[in-house]
Amino acid sequence: MKLRTNLALLSVALSGTLYGSMGLFGTWLLQEGFSVSNMLFWRFSTASLTILLMGLRHLHTMNWQILRATLLNSLLYSASSGLFFVASNTIGTGVGMVIFYIYPIFIFLFLWLFLKQPIARSSWFSLAVVILGFIFLNTNIRVESTGMNSLGFGFAVLSSLAYAAYILLSKKRAQQIDAYLSTFVLCLVSSVYFLILSHAEGSFSWPASTKSWITVFALGLIATSVPILLMLKGLETIGAEKAAILSVLEPVFTVILGFIFLEENLSSMQFVGIVIILGGTVFNQLQPNPRKPIDRLS
């Protein structure tokens, strides 16, 4: 059982790490002239294809009940992605990211207030440490230069809420629905949503070079289908609160990859933020599980 738990923790941590590459691949596509909605369409459509190829033997069990059960998850994930980029266009990506990554707080509060699930003090402490580290990680953000307004702030909060709901709902159904099926439906629905949006904006376009195609498939496989699958597999074993804290490793690796491949600056304060976030997540995972855990999301 301990081995299974450790593998689940590793799965979620690796998920967050791979998610961190989305900024790198997404930036390369945006630099080639892709719009945000068009880039997200190619992200999710190629993810659908790759998960279809990886989990083909799982799809024979697909039926209307499974499709209906995963549809809400898919809409929540798509809404979270769309709202995040809408917020980023209004208040800036940095500020939008800071607000988005308060979603573990929503998860903790939901479990605590509505499901009466006790949250260990060590988990609250780890969450506080992670949030502190994330503040350090974004010390170079200047709010006054991003055109901060209440509408953009509201979109960012809604994006965070939608992602928290996605994590909670995924946990509830993790042991009921095959992870490959959930991932396939999620990516397929998201690709349809962003295909419609890109056509509505008049920004749809095809990758125009071999480099673009390679980047598109890397975005779909490495930064989308595999990390979503790893997250869902991890949620079959561990609680939503541990998964939420581990998943904030994504911005850490986004910053690191940006420093290595995009020649972005990494300040000493950001380095301190990375160390604090890693310390907070490691501390949380080293804490023993309660003897009689309550998990009403199963």
C-alpha atoms as a PDB file:
ATOM      1  CA  MET A   1       0.000   0.000   0.000  1.00  0.00           C
ATOM      2  CA  LYS A   2       2.856   2.373   0.849  1.00  0.00           C
ATOM      3  CA  LEU A   3       4.506   1.613  -2.498  1.00  0.00           C
ATOM      4  CA  ARG A   4       1.243   2.362  -4.293  1.00  0.00           C
ATOM      5  CA  THR A   5       0.918   5.677  -2.431  1.00  0.00           C
ATOM      6  CA  ASN A   6       4.513   6.652  -3.233  1.00  0.00           C
ATOM      7  CA  LEU A   7       3.962   5.836  -6.900  1.00  0.00           C
ATOM      8  CA  ALA A   8       0.804   7.971  -6.881  1.00  0.00           C
ATOM      9  CA  LEU A   9       2.720  10.888  -5.325  1.00  0.00           C
ATOM     10  CA  LEU A  10       5.453  10.496  -7.938  1.00  0.00           C
ATOM     11  CA  SER A  11       2.801  10.393 -10.676  1.00  0.00           C
ATOM     12  CA  VAL A  12       1.228  13.694  -9.564  1.00  0.00           C
ATOM     13  CA  ALA A  13       4.633  15.343  -9.078  1.00  0.00           C
ATOM     14  CA  LEU A  14       5.709  14.255 -12.568  1.00  0.00           C
ATOM     15  CA  SER A  15       2.385  15.544 -13.891  1.00  0.00           C
ATOM     16  CA  GLY A  16       3.102  19.003 -12.485  1.00  0.00           C
ATOM     17  CA  THR A  17       6.627  18.905 -13.884  1.00  0.00           C
ATOM     18  CA  LEU A  18       5.468  18.038 -17.402  1.00  0.00           C
ATOM     19  CA  TYR A  19       2.698  20.645 -17.242  1.00  0.00           C
ATOM     20  CA  GLY A  20       5.490  23.153 -16.687  1.00  0.00           C
ATOM     21  CA  SER A  21       6.684  22.596 -20.265  1.00  0.00           C
ATOM     22  CA  MET A  22       3.403  24.031 -21.602  1.00  0.00           C
ATOM     23  CA  GLY A  23       4.762  27.569 -21.223  1.00  0.00           C
ATOM     24  CA  LEU A  24       7.834  26.707 -23.289  1.00  0.00           C
ATOM     25  CA  PHE A  25       6.042  24.957 -26.165  1.00  0.00           C
ATOM     26  CA  GLY A  26       3.128  27.424 -26.062  1.00  0.00           C
ATOM     27  CA  THR A  27       5.488  30.403 -26.251  1.00  0.00           C
ATOM     28  CA  TRP A  28       7.264  28.925 -29.271  1.00  0.00           C
ATOM     29  CA  LEU A  29       3.920  28.536 -31.069  1.00  0.00           C
ATOM     30  CA  LEU A  30       2.756  32.037 -30.123  1.00  0.00           C
ATOM     31  CA  GLN A  31       6.049  33.389 -31.472  1.00  0.00           C
ATOM     32  CA  GLU A  32       5.242  31.664 -34.781  1.00  0.00           C
ATOM     33  CA  GLY A  33       1.997  33.619 -35.046  1.00  0.00           C
ATOM     34  CA  PHE A  34      -0.551  31.267 -33.464  1.00  0.00           C
ATOM     35  CA  SER A  35      -3.396  32.883 -31.555  1.00  0.00           C
ATOM     36  CA  VAL A  36      -4.090  31.657 -28.018  1.00  0.00           C
ATOM     37  CA  SER A  37      -7.309  29.869 -29.013  1.00  0.00           C
ATOM     38  CA  ASN A  38      -5.686  28.309 -32.079  1.00  0.00           C
ATOM     39  CA  MET A  39      -2.700  27.159 -30.041  1.00  0.00           C
ATOM     40  CA  LEU A  40      -5.045  25.587 -27.462  1.00  0.00           C
ATOM     41  CA  PHE A  41      -7.000  23.827 -30.229  1.00  0.00           C
ATOM     42  CA  TRP A  42      -3.835  22.187 -31.538  1.00  0.00           C
ATOM     43  CA  ARG A  43      -2.762  21.403 -27.995  1.00  0.00           C
ATOM     44  CA  PHE A  44      -5.933  19.468 -27.178  1.00  0.00           C
ATOM     45  CA  SER A  45      -6.520  17.938 -30.625  1.00  0.00           C
ATOM     46  CA  THR A  46      -3.033  16.395 -30.730  1.00  0.00           C
ATOM     47  CA  ALA A  47      -3.466  15.342 -27.103  1.00  0.00           C
ATOM     48  CA  SER A  48      -6.700  13.550 -28.106  1.00  0.00           C
ATOM     49  CA  LEU A  49      -4.847  11.740 -30.871  1.00  0.00           C
ATOM     50  CA  THR A  50      -1.913  10.699 -28.689  1.00  0.00           C
ATOM     51  CA  ILE A  51      -4.112   9.448 -25.841  1.00  0.00           C
ATOM     52  CA  LEU A  52      -6.235   7.581 -28.400  1.00  0.00           C
ATOM     53  CA  LEU A  53      -3.133   5.771 -29.639  1.00  0.00           C
ATOM     54  CA  MET A  54      -1.821   5.105 -26.120  1.00  0.00           C
ATOM     55  CA  GLY A  55      -5.111   3.842 -24.709  1.00  0.00           C
ATOM     56  CA  LEU A  56      -6.805   2.297 -27.729  1.00  0.00           C
ATOM     57  CA  ARG A  57      -7.518  -0.955 -25.912  1.00  0.00           C
ATOM     58  CA  HIS A  58      -9.352   0.967 -23.160  1.00  0.00           C
ATOM     59  CA  LEU A  59     -11.796   2.704 -25.473  1.00  0.00           C
ATOM     60  CA  HIS A  60     -13.939  -0.340 -26.256  1.00  0.00           C
ATOM     61  CA  THR A  61     -15.598   0.191 -22.858  1.00  0.00           C
ATOM     62  CA  MET A  62     -16.772   3.677 -23.848  1.00  0.00           C
ATOM     63  CA  ASN A  63     -20.522   4.187 -23.426  1.00  0.00           C
ATOM     64  CA  TRP A  64     -22.971   7.020 -22.873  1.00  0.00           C
ATOM     65  CA  GLN A  65     -22.742   6.788 -19.081  1.00  0.00           C
ATOM     66  CA  ILE A  66     -18.967   7.238 -19.171  1.00  0.00           C
ATOM     67  CA  LEU A  67     -19.221  10.077 -21.694  1.00  0.00           C
ATOM     68  CA  ARG A  68     -21.843  11.876 -19.612  1.00  0.00           C
ATOM     69  CA  ALA A  69     -19.841  11.408 -16.387  1.00  0.00           C
ATOM     70  CA  THR A  70     -16.678  12.896 -17.902  1.00  0.00           C
ATOM     71  CA  LEU A  71     -18.359  15.689 -19.855  1.00  0.00           C
ATOM     72  CA  LEU A  72     -18.595  18.032 -16.871  1.00  0.00           C
ATOM     73  CA  ASN A  73     -14.912  17.434 -16.076  1.00  0.00           C
ATOM     74  CA  SER A  74     -14.043  18.335 -19.647  1.00  0.00           C
ATOM     75  CA  LEU A  75     -16.099  21.522 -19.597  1.00  0.00           C
ATOM     76  CA  LEU A  76     -14.545  22.587 -16.282  1.00  0.00           C
ATOM     77  CA  TYR A  77     -11.028  22.039 -17.642  1.00  0.00           C
ATOM     78  CA  SER A  78     -11.781  23.898 -20.882  1.00  0.00           C
ATOM     79  CA  ALA A  79     -13.426  26.743 -18.977  1.00  0.00           C
ATOM     80  CA  SER A  80     -10.440  27.006 -16.661  1.00  0.00           C
ATOM     81  CA  SER A  81      -8.005  27.216 -19.602  1.00  0.00           C
ATOM     82  CA  GLY A  82     -10.124  29.732 -21.489  1.00  0.00           C
ATOM     83  CA  LEU A  83     -10.793  31.950 -18.473  1.00  0.00           C
ATOM     84  CA  PHE A  84      -7.097  31.951 -17.555  1.00  0.00           C
ATOM     85  CA  PHE A  85      -6.040  33.295 -20.953  1.00  0.00           C
ATOM     86  CA  VAL A  86      -8.883  35.835 -20.978  1.00  0.00           C
ATOM     87  CA  ALA A  87      -7.683  37.038 -17.574  1.00  0.00           C
ATOM     88  CA  SER A  88      -4.066  37.078 -18.770  1.00  0.00           C
ATOM     89  CA  ASN A  89      -4.983  39.313 -21.705  1.00  0.00           C
ATOM     90  CA  THR A  90      -6.559  41.764 -19.226  1.00  0.00           C
ATOM     91  CA  ILE A  91      -4.283  41.754 -16.185  1.00  0.00           C
ATOM     92  CA  GLY A  92      -1.143  40.077 -17.505  1.00  0.00           C
ATOM     93  CA  THR A  93       0.028  36.454 -17.462  1.00  0.00           C
ATOM     94  CA  GLY A  94       2.085  36.849 -14.298  1.00  0.00           C
ATOM     95  CA  VAL A  95      -0.706  38.290 -12.172  1.00  0.00           C
ATOM     96  CA  GLY A  96      -3.176  35.846 -13.703  1.00  0.00           C
ATOM     97  CA  MET A  97      -0.908  32.949 -12.751  1.00  0.00           C
ATOM     98  CA  VAL A  98      -0.569  34.191  -9.164  1.00  0.00           C
ATOM     99  CA  ILE A  99      -4.354  34.322  -8.787  1.00  0.00           C
ATOM    100  CA  PHE A 100      -4.893  30.997 -10.575  1.00  0.00           C
ATOM    101  CA  TYR A 101      -2.583  29.130  -8.204  1.00  0.00           C
ATOM    102  CA  ILE A 102      -4.732  29.906  -5.190  1.00  0.00           C
ATOM    103  CA  TYR A 103      -6.895  26.958  -6.299  1.00  0.00           C
ATOM    104  CA  PRO A 104      -5.473  24.654  -3.558  1.00  0.00           C
ATOM    105  CA  ILE A 105      -7.106  27.018  -1.046  1.00  0.00           C
ATOM    106  CA  PHE A 106     -10.496  26.443  -2.697  1.00  0.00           C
ATOM    107  CA  ILE A 107      -9.928  22.684  -2.558  1.00  0.00           C
ATOM    108  CA  PHE A 108      -8.980  22.778   1.120  1.00  0.00           C
ATOM    109  CA  LEU A 109     -11.946  24.992   2.009  1.00  0.00           C
ATOM    110  CA  PHE A 110     -14.401  22.799   0.099  1.00  0.00           C
ATOM    111  CA  LEU A 111     -13.167  19.623   1.799  1.00  0.00           C
ATOM    112  CA  TRP A 112     -13.166  21.296   5.209  1.00  0.00           C
ATOM    113  CA  LEU A 113     -16.417  23.291   5.068  1.00  0.00           C
ATOM    114  CA  PHE A 114     -18.727  21.154   2.947  1.00  0.00           C
ATOM    115  CA  LEU A 115     -17.476  17.586   3.352  1.00  0.00           C
ATOM    116  CA  LYS A 116     -16.332  18.085   6.971  1.00  0.00           C
ATOM    117  CA  GLN A 117     -13.065  16.400   6.018  1.00  0.00           C
ATOM    118  CA  PRO A 118     -10.330  17.150   8.556  1.00  0.00           C
ATOM    119  CA  ILE A 119      -7.215  18.737   7.033  1.00  0.00           C
ATOM    120  CA  ALA A 120      -3.975  18.110   8.912  1.00  0.00           C
ATOM    121  CA  ARG A 121      -2.175  21.129  10.324  1.00  0.00           C
ATOM    122  CA  SER A 122       0.899  20.056   8.380  1.00  0.00           C
ATOM    123  CA  SER A 123      -1.106  20.348   5.136  1.00  0.00           C
ATOM    124  CA  TRP A 124      -2.282  23.880   6.016  1.00  0.00           C
ATOM    125  CA  PHE A 125       1.316  24.772   6.898  1.00  0.00           C
ATOM    126  CA  SER A 126       2.629  23.318   3.629  1.00  0.00           C
ATOM    127  CA  LEU A 127       0.001  25.232   1.670  1.00  0.00           C
ATOM    128  CA  ALA A 128       1.006  28.490   3.388  1.00  0.00           C
ATOM    129  CA  VAL A 129       4.681  27.806   2.612  1.00  0.00           C
ATOM    130  CA  VAL A 130       3.917  27.038  -1.043  1.00  0.00           C
ATOM    131  CA  ILE A 131       1.879  30.242  -1.422  1.00  0.00           C
ATOM    132  CA  LEU A 132       4.732  32.228   0.159  1.00  0.00           C
ATOM    133  CA  GLY A 133       7.169  30.633  -2.278  1.00  0.00           C
ATOM    134  CA  PHE A 134       4.913  31.460  -5.185  1.00  0.00           C
ATOM    135  CA  ILE A 135       4.841  35.122  -4.111  1.00  0.00           C
ATOM    136  CA  PHE A 136       8.659  35.113  -4.165  1.00  0.00           C
ATOM    137  CA  LEU A 137       8.582  33.388  -7.563  1.00  0.00           C
ATOM    138  CA  ASN A 138       6.572  36.287  -8.998  1.00  0.00           C
ATOM    139  CA  THR A 139       8.409  39.193  -7.373  1.00  0.00           C
ATOM    140  CA  ASN A 140       9.206  40.684 -10.782  1.00  0.00           C
ATOM    141  CA  ILE A 141       5.525  41.261 -11.545  1.00  0.00           C
ATOM    142  CA  ARG A 142       4.442  44.889 -11.501  1.00  0.00           C
ATOM    143  CA  VAL A 143       0.721  45.014 -11.042  1.00  0.00           C
ATOM    144  CA  GLU A 144       0.404  48.652 -11.964  1.00  0.00           C
ATOM    145  CA  SER A 145       1.784  47.992 -15.449  1.00  0.00           C
ATOM    146  CA  THR A 146      -0.645  45.179 -16.264  1.00  0.00           C
ATOM    147  CA  GLY A 147      -3.846  47.161 -16.348  1.00  0.00           C
ATOM    148  CA  MET A 148      -5.293  45.422 -13.293  1.00  0.00           C
ATOM    149  CA  ASN A 149      -9.072  45.695 -13.141  1.00  0.00           C
ATOM    150  CA  SER A 150     -11.895  43.930 -11.376  1.00  0.00           C
ATOM    151  CA  LEU A 151     -13.107  42.107 -14.513  1.00  0.00           C
ATOM    152  CA  GLY A 152      -9.737  40.491 -15.181  1.00  0.00           C
ATOM    153  CA  PHE A 153      -9.359  39.636 -11.513  1.00  0.00           C
ATOM    154  CA  GLY A 154     -12.786  38.010 -11.583  1.00  0.00           C
ATOM    155  CA  PHE A 155     -11.895  35.898 -14.639  1.00  0.00           C
ATOM    156  CA  ALA A 156      -8.705  34.702 -12.928  1.00  0.00           C
ATOM    157  CA  VAL A 157     -10.601  33.732  -9.768  1.00  0.00           C
ATOM    158  CA  LEU A 158     -13.229  31.888 -11.837  1.00  0.00           C
ATOM    159  CA  SER A 159     -10.432  30.065 -13.665  1.00  0.00           C
ATOM    160  CA  SER A 160      -8.972  29.002 -10.326  1.00  0.00           C
ATOM    161  CA  LEU A 161     -12.384  27.884  -9.049  1.00  0.00           C
ATOM    162  CA  ALA A 162     -13.056  25.880 -12.213  1.00  0.00           C
ATOM    163  CA  TYR A 163      -9.722  24.075 -11.909  1.00  0.00           C
ATOM    164  CA  ALA A 164     -10.345  23.329  -8.224  1.00  0.00           C
ATOM    165  CA  ALA A 165     -13.739  21.873  -9.154  1.00  0.00           C
ATOM    166  CA  TYR A 166     -12.048  19.822 -11.894  1.00  0.00           C
ATOM    167  CA  ILE A 167      -9.564  18.337  -9.393  1.00  0.00           C
ATOM    168  CA  LEU A 168     -12.312  17.537  -6.874  1.00  0.00           C
ATOM    169  CA  LEU A 169     -14.579  15.958  -9.469  1.00  0.00           C
ATOM    170  CA  SER A 170     -11.676  14.000 -10.956  1.00  0.00           C
ATOM    171  CA  LYS A 171     -10.879  12.620  -7.519  1.00  0.00           C
ATOM    172  CA  LYS A 172     -14.489  11.604  -6.965  1.00  0.00           C
ATOM    173  CA  ARG A 173     -14.588   9.636 -10.215  1.00  0.00           C
ATOM    174  CA  ALA A 174     -10.961   8.476 -10.355  1.00  0.00           C
ATOM    175  CA  GLN A 175     -11.785   4.934  -9.225  1.00  0.00           C
ATOM    176  CA  GLN A 176     -15.008   4.716 -11.230  1.00  0.00           C
ATOM    177  CA  ILE A 177     -13.830   5.663 -14.732  1.00  0.00           C
ATOM    178  CA  ASP A 178     -10.685   4.572 -16.554  1.00  0.00           C
ATOM    179  CA  ALA A 179      -8.070   7.343 -16.637  1.00  0.00           C
ATOM    180  CA  TYR A 180      -7.460   6.879 -20.376  1.00  0.00           C
ATOM    181  CA  LEU A 181     -11.151   7.360 -21.133  1.00  0.00           C
ATOM    182  CA  SER A 182     -11.366  10.455 -18.909  1.00  0.00           C
ATOM    183  CA  THR A 183      -8.296  11.995 -20.523  1.00  0.00           C
ATOM    184  CA  PHE A 184      -9.492  11.256 -24.052  1.00  0.00           C
ATOM    185  CA  VAL A 185     -12.932  12.802 -23.503  1.00  0.00           C
ATOM    186  CA  LEU A 186     -11.448  15.809 -21.682  1.00  0.00           C
ATOM    187  CA  CYS A 187      -9.006  16.580 -24.516  1.00  0.00           C
ATOM    188  CA  LEU A 188     -11.569  15.919 -27.244  1.00  0.00           C
ATOM    189  CA  VAL A 189     -14.187  18.244 -25.722  1.00  0.00           C
ATOM    190  CA  SER A 190     -11.547  20.934 -25.110  1.00  0.00           C
ATOM    191  CA  SER A 191     -10.327  20.725 -28.712  1.00  0.00           C
ATOM    192  CA  VAL A 192     -13.882  21.200 -30.021  1.00  0.00           C
ATOM    193  CA  TYR A 193     -14.389  24.202 -27.713  1.00  0.00           C
ATOM    194  CA  PHE A 194     -11.202  25.960 -28.856  1.00  0.00           C
ATOM    195  CA  LEU A 195     -11.782  25.033 -32.518  1.00  0.00           C
ATOM    196  CA  ILE A 196     -15.110  26.870 -32.380  1.00  0.00           C
ATOM    197  CA  LEU A 197     -13.495  29.803 -30.548  1.00  0.00           C
ATOM    198  CA  SER A 198     -10.594  30.127 -32.997  1.00  0.00           C
ATOM    199  CA  HIS A 199     -12.972  30.090 -35.975  1.00  0.00           C
ATOM    200  CA  ALA A 200     -15.202  32.666 -34.268  1.00  0.00           C
ATOM    201  CA  GLU A 201     -12.146  34.891 -33.832  1.00  0.00           C
ATOM    202  CA  GLY A 202     -11.021  34.234 -37.412  1.00  0.00           C
ATOM    203  CA  SER A 203      -7.620  33.106 -36.105  1.00  0.00           C
ATOM    204  CA  PHE A 204      -7.593  29.430 -37.089  1.00  0.00           C
ATOM    205  CA  SER A 205      -4.482  28.340 -38.972  1.00  0.00           C
ATOM    206  CA  TRP A 206      -2.481  25.195 -39.718  1.00  0.00           C
ATOM    207  CA  PRO A 207       1.124  24.664 -38.608  1.00  0.00           C
ATOM    208  CA  ALA A 208       3.217  25.994 -41.464  1.00  0.00           C
ATOM    209  CA  SER A 209       6.542  24.233 -40.873  1.00  0.00           C
ATOM    210  CA  THR A 210       8.068  20.983 -39.638  1.00  0.00           C
ATOM    211  CA  LYS A 211       9.211  22.785 -36.512  1.00  0.00           C
ATOM    212  CA  SER A 212       5.650  23.934 -35.811  1.00  0.00           C
ATOM    213  CA  TRP A 213       4.280  20.406 -36.216  1.00  0.00           C
ATOM    214  CA  ILE A 214       6.933  18.986 -33.857  1.00  0.00           C
ATOM    215  CA  THR A 215       6.147  21.692 -31.295  1.00  0.00           C
ATOM    216  CA  VAL A 216       2.397  21.065 -31.632  1.00  0.00           C
ATOM    217  CA  PHE A 217       2.804  17.340 -30.972  1.00  0.00           C
ATOM    218  CA  ALA A 218       5.215  17.989 -28.100  1.00  0.00           C
ATOM    219  CA  LEU A 219       2.637  20.353 -26.583  1.00  0.00           C
ATOM    220  CA  GLY A 220      -0.110  17.764 -27.009  1.00  0.00           C
ATOM    221  CA  LEU A 221       1.870  14.782 -25.708  1.00  0.00           C
ATOM    222  CA  ILE A 222       4.425  16.042 -23.193  1.00  0.00           C
ATOM    223  CA  ALA A 223       2.506  19.030 -21.794  1.00  0.00           C
ATOM    224  CA  THR A 224      -1.083  17.771 -22.021  1.00  0.00           C
ATOM    225  CA  SER A 225      -2.142  14.137 -22.463  1.00  0.00           C
ATOM    226  CA  VAL A 226       0.616  12.516 -20.397  1.00  0.00           C
ATOM    227  CA  PRO A 227       0.391  14.934 -17.410  1.00  0.00           C
ATOM    228  CA  ILE A 228      -3.436  14.776 -17.378  1.00  0.00           C
ATOM    229  CA  LEU A 229      -3.240  10.980 -17.416  1.00  0.00           C
ATOM    230  CA  LEU A 230      -0.622  10.955 -14.638  1.00  0.00           C
ATOM    231  CA  MET A 231      -2.758  13.287 -12.497  1.00  0.00           C
ATOM    232  CA  LEU A 232      -5.851  11.093 -12.884  1.00  0.00           C
ATOM    233  CA  LYS A 233      -3.875   7.927 -12.122  1.00  0.00           C
ATOM    234  CA  GLY A 234      -2.441   9.577  -9.001  1.00  0.00           C
ATOM    235  CA  LEU A 235      -5.878  10.679  -7.825  1.00  0.00           C
ATOM    236  CA  GLU A 236      -6.943   7.036  -7.757  1.00  0.00           C
ATOM    237  CA  THR A 237      -4.810   6.649  -4.619  1.00  0.00           C
ATOM    238  CA  ILE A 238      -4.037   9.983  -2.943  1.00  0.00           C
ATOM    239  CA  GLY A 239      -6.336  12.750  -1.699  1.00  0.00           C
ATOM    240  CA  ALA A 240      -7.202  15.926  -3.555  1.00  0.00           C
ATOM    241  CA  GLU A 241      -5.403  18.117  -0.997  1.00  0.00           C
ATOM    242  CA  LYS A 242      -2.035  16.363  -1.472  1.00  0.00           C
ATOM    243  CA  ALA A 243      -2.472  16.422  -5.238  1.00  0.00           C
ATOM    244  CA  ALA A 244      -3.246  20.153  -5.133  1.00  0.00           C
ATOM    245  CA  ILE A 245      -0.031  20.967  -3.272  1.00  0.00           C
ATOM    246  CA  LEU A 246       2.106  18.729  -5.496  1.00  0.00           C
ATOM    247  CA  SER A 247       0.630  20.154  -8.694  1.00  0.00           C
ATOM    248  CA  VAL A 248       1.951  23.653  -7.942  1.00  0.00           C
ATOM    249  CA  LEU A 249       5.338  22.361  -9.094  1.00  0.00           C
ATOM    250  CA  GLU A 250       4.171  23.410 -12.568  1.00  0.00           C
ATOM    251  CA  PRO A 251       5.110  27.127 -12.316  1.00  0.00           C
ATOM    252  CA  VAL A 252       8.470  26.193 -10.784  1.00  0.00           C
ATOM    253  CA  PHE A 253       9.461  24.217 -13.864  1.00  0.00           C
ATOM    254  CA  THR A 254       7.858  26.813 -16.146  1.00  0.00           C
ATOM    255  CA  VAL A 255      10.298  29.381 -14.763  1.00  0.00           C
ATOM    256  CA  ILE A 256      13.249  26.956 -14.951  1.00  0.00           C
ATOM    257  CA  LEU A 257      12.529  25.991 -18.574  1.00  0.00           C
ATOM    258  CA  GLY A 258      12.036  29.646 -19.497  1.00  0.00           C
ATOM    259  CA  PHE A 259      15.445  30.432 -17.986  1.00  0.00           C
ATOM    260  CA  ILE A 260      17.144  27.572 -19.878  1.00  0.00           C
ATOM    261  CA  PHE A 261      15.459  27.727 -23.303  1.00  0.00           C
ATOM    262  CA  LEU A 262      13.906  31.197 -23.600  1.00  0.00           C
ATOM    263  CA  GLU A 263      16.769  33.146 -21.991  1.00  0.00           C
ATOM    264  CA  GLU A 264      14.413  34.659 -19.418  1.00  0.00           C
ATOM    265  CA  ASN A 265      15.922  36.200 -16.312  1.00  0.00           C
ATOM    266  CA  LEU A 266      15.843  34.262 -13.039  1.00  0.00           C
ATOM    267  CA  SER A 267      16.313  36.629 -10.105  1.00  0.00           C
ATOM    268  CA  SER A 268      17.676  35.644  -6.707  1.00  0.00           C
ATOM    269  CA  MET A 269      14.199  36.176  -5.206  1.00  0.00           C
ATOM    270  CA  GLN A 270      12.682  33.792  -7.764  1.00  0.00           C
ATOM    271  CA  PHE A 271      15.339  31.213  -6.919  1.00  0.00           C
ATOM    272  CA  VAL A 272      14.401  31.572  -3.245  1.00  0.00           C
ATOM    273  CA  GLY A 273      10.748  31.089  -4.243  1.00  0.00           C
ATOM    274  CA  ILE A 274      11.609  27.846  -6.049  1.00  0.00           C
ATOM    275  CA  VAL A 275      13.456  26.526  -3.000  1.00  0.00           C
ATOM    276  CA  ILE A 276      10.538  27.469  -0.699  1.00  0.00           C
ATOM    277  CA  ILE A 277       7.944  25.790  -2.956  1.00  0.00           C
ATOM    278  CA  LEU A 278      10.000  22.613  -3.240  1.00  0.00           C
ATOM    279  CA  GLY A 279      10.555  22.625   0.521  1.00  0.00           C
ATOM    280  CA  GLY A 280       6.829  23.044   1.201  1.00  0.00           C
ATOM    281  CA  THR A 281       5.820  20.205  -1.118  1.00  0.00           C
ATOM    282  CA  VAL A 282       8.484  17.834   0.222  1.00  0.00           C
ATOM    283  CA  PHE A 283       7.505  18.635   3.828  1.00  0.00           C
ATOM    284  CA  ASN A 284       3.859  17.860   3.082  1.00  0.00           C
ATOM    285  CA  GLN A 285       4.672  14.490   1.524  1.00  0.00           C
ATOM    286  CA  LEU A 286       6.905  13.477   4.450  1.00  0.00           C
ATOM    287  CA  GLN A 287       4.037  13.832   6.905  1.00  0.00           C
ATOM    288  CA  PRO A 288       2.360  10.552   7.927  1.00  0.00           C
ATOM    289  CA  ASN A 289      -1.185   9.965   6.754  1.00  0.00           C
ATOM    290  CA  PRO A 290      -3.881  10.023   9.436  1.00  0.00           C
ATOM    291  CA  ARG A 291      -4.779   6.603  10.838  1.00  0.00           C
ATOM    292  CA  LYS A 292      -8.380   6.813   9.664  1.00  0.00           C
ATOM    293  CA  PRO A 293      -8.460   9.177   6.711  1.00  0.00           C
ATOM    294  CA  ILE A 294     -11.824  10.459   5.648  1.00  0.00           C
ATOM    295  CA  ASP A 295     -12.217  10.663   1.904  1.00  0.00           C
ATOM    296  CA  ARG A 296     -15.802  11.331   0.928  1.00  0.00           C
ATOM    297  CA  LEU A 297     -14.749  12.084  -2.633  1.00  0.00           C
ATOM    298  CA  SER A 298     -14.133   8.412  -3.364  1.00  0.00           C
END
